Protein backbone atom coordinates (compact mmCIF):
# COMPACT_ATOMS: atom_id res chain seq x y z
CA UNK A 1 0.00 0.00 0.00
CA UNK A 2 1.13 3.51 -0.84
CA UNK A 3 -0.31 6.48 1.03
CA UNK A 4 -1.23 9.68 -0.81
CA UNK A 5 1.62 11.42 1.02
CA UNK A 6 4.15 8.75 -0.02
CA UNK A 7 2.95 8.75 -3.65
CA UNK A 8 3.38 12.52 -3.77
CA UNK A 9 6.81 12.31 -2.11
CA UNK A 10 8.05 9.66 -4.55
CA UNK A 11 6.74 11.54 -7.60
CA UNK A 12 8.43 14.76 -6.50
CA UNK A 13 11.74 13.01 -5.78
CA UNK A 14 12.66 12.98 -9.48
CA UNK A 15 14.87 15.77 -10.76
CA UNK A 16 12.87 18.79 -11.98
CA UNK A 17 9.56 17.17 -11.00
CA UNK A 18 6.87 19.60 -9.94
CA UNK A 19 3.28 19.34 -8.80
CA UNK A 20 0.60 21.41 -10.51
CA UNK A 21 -3.20 21.20 -10.59
CA UNK A 22 -4.80 19.26 -13.44
CA UNK A 23 -8.58 19.67 -13.36
CA UNK A 24 -9.66 18.14 -10.01
CA UNK A 25 -6.41 16.19 -9.60
CA UNK A 26 -2.77 16.87 -8.89
CA UNK A 27 -0.37 16.37 -11.78
CA UNK A 28 3.34 15.65 -11.62
CA UNK A 29 5.35 17.11 -14.45
CA UNK A 30 8.85 17.30 -15.75
CA UNK A 31 9.53 20.30 -17.97
CA UNK A 32 5.79 20.94 -18.31
CA UNK A 33 4.99 17.37 -19.44
CA UNK A 34 2.76 15.22 -17.24
CA UNK A 35 4.16 11.87 -16.14
CA UNK A 36 1.53 11.16 -13.45
CA UNK A 37 -1.75 12.39 -12.02
CA UNK A 38 -3.02 11.73 -8.51
CA UNK A 39 -6.69 11.19 -7.69
CA UNK A 40 -6.84 11.42 -3.90
CA UNK A 41 -10.56 10.57 -3.74
CA UNK A 42 -10.08 7.27 -5.57
CA UNK A 43 -6.62 6.49 -4.13
CA UNK A 44 -5.25 6.11 -7.66
CA UNK A 45 -2.23 7.34 -9.54
CA UNK A 46 -2.36 7.44 -13.33
CA UNK A 47 0.96 7.15 -15.14
CA UNK A 48 2.12 7.13 -18.77
CA UNK A 49 3.77 3.90 -19.91
CA UNK A 50 4.76 2.40 -23.22
CA UNK A 51 2.31 -0.22 -24.45
CA UNK A 52 4.84 -2.95 -23.68
CA UNK A 53 5.42 -1.75 -20.11
CA UNK A 54 1.68 -1.28 -19.59
CA UNK A 55 1.11 -4.86 -20.73
CA UNK A 56 3.80 -6.24 -18.41
CA UNK A 57 2.42 -4.49 -15.32
CA UNK A 58 -1.17 -5.38 -16.26
CA UNK A 59 -0.21 -9.03 -16.74
CA UNK A 60 1.50 -8.98 -13.33
CA UNK A 61 -1.80 -8.07 -11.63
CA UNK A 62 -4.72 -6.66 -13.59
CA UNK A 63 -6.61 -5.69 -10.41
CA UNK A 64 -3.83 -3.36 -9.26
CA UNK A 65 -2.43 -1.90 -12.49
CA UNK A 66 -4.63 -1.53 -15.56
CA UNK A 67 -5.15 0.73 -18.59
CA UNK A 68 -7.37 3.78 -18.35
CA UNK A 69 -10.58 2.90 -20.22
CA UNK A 70 -10.83 4.00 -23.86
CA UNK A 71 -8.37 5.91 -25.98
CA UNK A 72 -6.24 7.22 -23.12
CA UNK A 73 -5.45 3.66 -22.08
CA UNK A 74 -4.51 2.71 -25.63
CA UNK A 75 -2.02 5.59 -25.50
CA UNK A 76 -0.36 4.05 -22.43
CA UNK A 77 -2.11 5.89 -19.59
CA UNK A 78 -2.31 3.38 -16.77
CA UNK A 79 -4.12 3.36 -13.40
CA UNK A 80 -2.39 2.16 -10.24
CA UNK A 81 -4.52 1.27 -7.21
CA UNK A 82 -2.53 2.79 -4.34
CA UNK A 83 -4.36 0.70 -1.72
CA UNK A 84 -3.06 -2.56 -3.19
CA UNK A 85 0.25 -1.92 -4.98
CA UNK A 86 3.52 -3.01 -3.33
CA UNK A 87 6.03 -0.20 -2.85
CA UNK A 88 8.68 -1.81 -5.08
CA UNK A 89 6.25 -2.23 -7.99
CA UNK A 90 4.96 1.31 -7.55
CA UNK A 91 8.48 2.74 -7.63
CA UNK A 92 9.36 0.78 -10.77
CA UNK A 93 6.22 1.87 -12.62
CA UNK A 94 6.55 5.52 -11.57
CA UNK A 95 10.20 5.58 -12.59
CA UNK A 96 9.36 4.19 -16.04
CA UNK A 97 6.70 6.87 -16.48
CA UNK A 98 9.11 9.64 -15.48
CA UNK A 99 11.87 8.28 -17.74
CA UNK A 100 9.52 8.01 -20.70
CA UNK A 101 8.43 11.64 -20.24
CA UNK A 102 11.64 13.36 -19.16
CA UNK A 103 14.34 14.55 -21.55
CA UNK A 104 17.02 11.91 -22.16
CA UNK A 105 19.68 13.56 -19.98
CA UNK A 106 17.33 13.54 -16.98
CA UNK A 107 15.92 10.07 -17.66
CA UNK A 108 19.43 8.60 -17.91
CA UNK A 109 19.96 9.29 -14.20
CA UNK A 110 17.15 6.88 -13.28
CA UNK A 111 17.46 4.13 -15.86
CA UNK A 112 18.65 0.84 -14.43
């Protein structure tokens, strides 16, 4: 389980990450590009993944990590249930989202 506070802390730990409002949610951005949104009411974080990464996480556990319904999901936007996700899996998924969104020189610092 990841608390709202911990999710926010981990998202803001990336270099140049900032939190800004996005409609009724908080968004986490790097150089003005969103890599995650936080829905506190639903205890969910939505991240941007490649289709391959989205498929891998979804196959791992489709009740915890799954595509956003419709076109956004087909573009890689992926929901994470914060009440159920293990910390290590959350960190891996969030890092992939940041690295996919950030410029290469920033992403390189977090790639394993």
